[in-house]
Amino acid sequence: MPNGLTIYTKLERKFYDNEFFEDYQKAMIESGFFCNEFTKMYVAVLGEDGAMFRVVINKDKISYDYLDDYFETDGILTYMN
């Protein structure tokens, strides 16, 4: 349910690659979000296996940090048992 640049859902959202964050970054650039005093957006992601990630979106880069060990990854990594 988009509301400006805020996106929220009452239901589960599944994605399998970084496309959502790349599209969101493009929307933020097109809307002029980064022209204001804002330089980055933080997104918290909870994986199906309980893993927590912090996604940091800025104009030139998207970084994905696994919060258990605080290391940067290439995307959201979740594993099903």
N, C-alpha and C. Protein backbone atom coordinates (compact mmCIF):
# COMPACT_ATOMS: atom_id res chain seq x y z
N MET A 1 0.84 -1.17 0.00
CA MET A 1 0.00 0.00 0.00
C MET A 1 0.89 1.23 0.00
N PRO A 2 1.24 1.72 -1.14
CA PRO A 2 2.13 2.89 -1.17
C PRO A 2 1.42 4.15 -0.68
N ASN A 3 2.13 4.96 0.06
CA ASN A 3 1.63 6.24 0.56
C ASN A 3 2.80 7.21 0.44
N GLY A 4 2.92 7.88 -0.69
CA GLY A 4 4.12 8.66 -0.94
C GLY A 4 5.28 7.70 -1.14
N LEU A 5 6.32 7.84 -0.35
CA LEU A 5 7.44 6.91 -0.41
C LEU A 5 7.35 5.82 0.65
N THR A 6 6.31 5.87 1.48
CA THR A 6 6.14 4.85 2.51
C THR A 6 5.41 3.66 1.92
N ILE A 7 5.95 2.50 2.15
CA ILE A 7 5.30 1.26 1.69
C ILE A 7 5.10 0.38 2.91
N TYR A 8 3.89 -0.12 3.06
CA TYR A 8 3.62 -1.04 4.15
C TYR A 8 2.62 -2.07 3.67
N THR A 9 2.53 -3.15 4.39
CA THR A 9 1.60 -4.20 4.01
C THR A 9 1.02 -4.82 5.27
N LYS A 10 -0.21 -5.27 5.15
CA LYS A 10 -0.84 -6.00 6.25
C LYS A 10 -0.66 -7.50 6.06
N LEU A 11 -0.13 -7.88 4.92
CA LEU A 11 0.09 -9.28 4.60
C LEU A 11 1.58 -9.51 4.38
N GLU A 12 1.95 -10.76 4.32
CA GLU A 12 3.35 -11.12 4.09
C GLU A 12 3.77 -10.73 2.68
N ARG A 13 4.98 -10.25 2.55
CA ARG A 13 5.55 -9.88 1.23
C ARG A 13 6.73 -10.77 0.97
N LYS A 14 6.72 -11.47 -0.15
CA LYS A 14 7.85 -12.33 -0.51
C LYS A 14 8.56 -11.75 -1.73
N PHE A 15 9.86 -11.83 -1.71
CA PHE A 15 10.65 -11.47 -2.88
C PHE A 15 11.87 -12.36 -2.90
N TYR A 16 12.42 -12.55 -4.07
CA TYR A 16 13.48 -13.53 -4.24
C TYR A 16 14.77 -12.95 -4.77
N ASP A 17 14.82 -11.67 -4.95
CA ASP A 17 16.07 -11.03 -5.39
C ASP A 17 16.05 -9.59 -4.91
N ASN A 18 16.92 -8.78 -5.42
CA ASN A 18 17.04 -7.39 -4.97
C ASN A 18 16.19 -6.43 -5.79
N GLU A 19 15.36 -6.95 -6.68
CA GLU A 19 14.60 -6.10 -7.60
C GLU A 19 13.72 -5.09 -6.86
N PHE A 20 13.08 -5.48 -5.77
CA PHE A 20 12.23 -4.57 -5.02
C PHE A 20 13.01 -3.35 -4.56
N PHE A 21 14.18 -3.56 -3.98
CA PHE A 21 14.98 -2.46 -3.46
C PHE A 21 15.54 -1.59 -4.58
N GLU A 22 15.89 -2.21 -5.70
CA GLU A 22 16.38 -1.45 -6.86
C GLU A 22 15.27 -0.57 -7.43
N ASP A 23 14.05 -1.11 -7.52
CA ASP A 23 12.91 -0.32 -8.00
C ASP A 23 12.57 0.81 -7.03
N TYR A 24 12.65 0.51 -5.74
CA TYR A 24 12.36 1.53 -4.73
C TYR A 24 13.38 2.66 -4.79
N GLN A 25 14.65 2.30 -5.02
CA GLN A 25 15.71 3.31 -5.16
C GLN A 25 15.41 4.21 -6.36
N LYS A 26 15.00 3.61 -7.48
CA LYS A 26 14.66 4.40 -8.67
C LYS A 26 13.51 5.36 -8.38
N ALA A 27 12.49 4.88 -7.66
CA ALA A 27 11.35 5.73 -7.32
C ALA A 27 11.77 6.88 -6.41
N MET A 28 12.68 6.60 -5.49
CA MET A 28 13.17 7.64 -4.59
C MET A 28 13.94 8.71 -5.36
N ILE A 29 14.75 8.28 -6.32
CA ILE A 29 15.52 9.22 -7.14
C ILE A 29 14.57 10.07 -7.98
N GLU A 30 13.60 9.41 -8.64
CA GLU A 30 12.65 10.13 -9.50
C GLU A 30 11.78 11.10 -8.72
N SER A 31 11.48 10.79 -7.46
CA SER A 31 10.62 11.66 -6.65
C SER A 31 11.38 12.84 -6.05
N GLY A 32 12.71 12.82 -6.16
CA GLY A 32 13.51 13.90 -5.59
C GLY A 32 13.82 13.72 -4.12
N PHE A 33 13.63 12.52 -3.60
CA PHE A 33 13.86 12.24 -2.18
C PHE A 33 15.28 12.64 -1.76
N PHE A 34 16.25 12.32 -2.58
CA PHE A 34 17.65 12.58 -2.22
C PHE A 34 18.05 14.04 -2.43
N CYS A 35 17.19 14.85 -3.03
CA CYS A 35 17.49 16.27 -3.21
C CYS A 35 17.22 17.06 -1.94
N ASN A 36 16.47 16.48 -1.01
CA ASN A 36 16.19 17.13 0.26
C ASN A 36 17.36 16.88 1.20
N GLU A 37 17.14 17.02 2.49
CA GLU A 37 18.22 16.78 3.44
C GLU A 37 18.49 15.30 3.66
N PHE A 38 17.65 14.44 3.09
CA PHE A 38 17.81 13.01 3.27
C PHE A 38 18.89 12.48 2.34
N THR A 39 19.76 11.64 2.88
CA THR A 39 20.81 11.05 2.06
C THR A 39 20.69 9.54 1.97
N LYS A 40 19.93 8.94 2.87
CA LYS A 40 19.75 7.49 2.82
C LYS A 40 18.46 7.07 3.50
N MET A 41 18.02 5.87 3.14
CA MET A 41 16.81 5.27 3.71
C MET A 41 17.21 3.93 4.31
N TYR A 42 16.74 3.66 5.52
CA TYR A 42 17.00 2.39 6.18
C TYR A 42 15.73 1.55 6.14
N VAL A 43 15.89 0.27 5.78
CA VAL A 43 14.76 -0.66 5.72
C VAL A 43 15.13 -1.89 6.54
N ALA A 44 14.24 -2.31 7.43
CA ALA A 44 14.45 -3.54 8.21
C ALA A 44 13.71 -4.68 7.52
N VAL A 45 14.38 -5.81 7.38
CA VAL A 45 13.79 -6.97 6.72
C VAL A 45 13.96 -8.18 7.63
N LEU A 46 12.86 -8.89 7.86
CA LEU A 46 12.88 -10.12 8.64
C LEU A 46 12.68 -11.28 7.68
N GLY A 47 13.66 -12.18 7.61
CA GLY A 47 13.59 -13.33 6.73
C GLY A 47 12.72 -14.44 7.30
N GLU A 48 12.32 -15.36 6.46
CA GLU A 48 11.48 -16.47 6.91
C GLU A 48 12.15 -17.32 7.98
N ASP A 49 13.47 -17.34 7.99
CA ASP A 49 14.20 -18.13 8.96
C ASP A 49 14.54 -17.33 10.22
N GLY A 50 14.01 -16.12 10.34
CA GLY A 50 14.25 -15.29 11.50
C GLY A 50 15.46 -14.39 11.38
N ALA A 51 16.17 -14.46 10.27
CA ALA A 51 17.34 -13.60 10.07
C ALA A 51 16.89 -12.16 9.87
N MET A 52 17.62 -11.24 10.48
CA MET A 52 17.31 -9.82 10.35
C MET A 52 18.35 -9.15 9.45
N PHE A 53 17.87 -8.29 8.57
CA PHE A 53 18.74 -7.55 7.66
C PHE A 53 18.41 -6.07 7.74
N ARG A 54 19.42 -5.25 7.54
CA ARG A 54 19.23 -3.81 7.38
C ARG A 54 19.63 -3.49 5.95
N VAL A 55 18.71 -2.91 5.20
CA VAL A 55 18.98 -2.48 3.84
C VAL A 55 19.14 -0.97 3.88
N VAL A 56 20.26 -0.48 3.38
CA VAL A 56 20.52 0.96 3.35
C VAL A 56 20.50 1.39 1.89
N ILE A 57 19.57 2.28 1.56
CA ILE A 57 19.42 2.74 0.18
C ILE A 57 19.85 4.20 0.12
N ASN A 58 20.84 4.48 -0.71
CA ASN A 58 21.16 5.87 -1.01
C ASN A 58 21.17 6.05 -2.51
N LYS A 59 21.48 7.23 -2.98
CA LYS A 59 21.35 7.53 -4.41
C LYS A 59 22.25 6.66 -5.28
N ASP A 60 23.42 6.31 -4.79
CA ASP A 60 24.40 5.60 -5.61
C ASP A 60 24.60 4.14 -5.25
N LYS A 61 24.04 3.68 -4.14
CA LYS A 61 24.35 2.33 -3.68
C LYS A 61 23.23 1.79 -2.81
N ILE A 62 23.08 0.47 -2.84
CA ILE A 62 22.21 -0.24 -1.92
C ILE A 62 23.08 -1.25 -1.20
N SER A 63 23.07 -1.21 0.14
CA SER A 63 23.86 -2.20 0.88
C SER A 63 22.92 -3.03 1.76
N TYR A 64 23.30 -4.28 1.95
CA TYR A 64 22.51 -5.23 2.70
C TYR A 64 23.38 -5.75 3.84
N ASP A 65 22.96 -5.51 5.08
CA ASP A 65 23.74 -5.92 6.23
C ASP A 65 22.98 -6.98 7.01
N TYR A 66 23.63 -8.12 7.24
CA TYR A 66 23.09 -9.19 8.05
C TYR A 66 23.32 -8.81 9.50
N LEU A 67 22.27 -8.61 10.27
CA LEU A 67 22.41 -7.99 11.59
C LEU A 67 22.90 -8.92 12.68
N ASP A 68 22.94 -10.21 12.44
CA ASP A 68 23.46 -11.11 13.46
C ASP A 68 24.97 -10.95 13.61
N ASP A 69 25.66 -10.84 12.48
CA ASP A 69 27.12 -10.70 12.50
C ASP A 69 27.59 -9.36 11.97
N TYR A 70 26.67 -8.50 11.54
CA TYR A 70 26.98 -7.17 11.00
C TYR A 70 27.96 -7.24 9.83
N PHE A 71 27.67 -8.10 8.87
CA PHE A 71 28.49 -8.11 7.67
C PHE A 71 27.63 -7.79 6.46
N GLU A 72 28.25 -7.16 5.47
CA GLU A 72 27.54 -6.76 4.26
C GLU A 72 27.43 -7.95 3.33
N THR A 73 26.24 -8.12 2.71
CA THR A 73 26.01 -9.21 1.76
C THR A 73 25.61 -8.62 0.42
N ASP A 74 25.43 -9.50 -0.57
CA ASP A 74 24.99 -9.06 -1.89
C ASP A 74 23.48 -8.95 -1.99
N GLY A 75 22.77 -9.36 -0.97
CA GLY A 75 21.32 -9.31 -0.99
C GLY A 75 20.77 -9.96 0.27
N ILE A 76 19.47 -10.13 0.30
CA ILE A 76 18.82 -10.76 1.44
C ILE A 76 19.02 -12.26 1.33
N LEU A 77 19.60 -12.85 2.36
CA LEU A 77 19.86 -14.29 2.37
C LEU A 77 18.97 -14.94 3.39
N THR A 78 18.07 -15.81 2.95
CA THR A 78 17.25 -16.57 3.89
C THR A 78 17.30 -18.02 3.49
N TYR A 79 17.17 -18.86 4.47
CA TYR A 79 17.26 -20.29 4.24
C TYR A 79 16.06 -20.98 4.85
N MET A 80 15.48 -21.89 4.11
CA MET A 80 14.34 -22.67 4.59
C MET A 80 14.85 -24.00 5.09
N ASN A 81 14.31 -24.47 6.19
CA ASN A 81 14.66 -25.80 6.73
C ASN A 81 13.77 -26.85 6.14
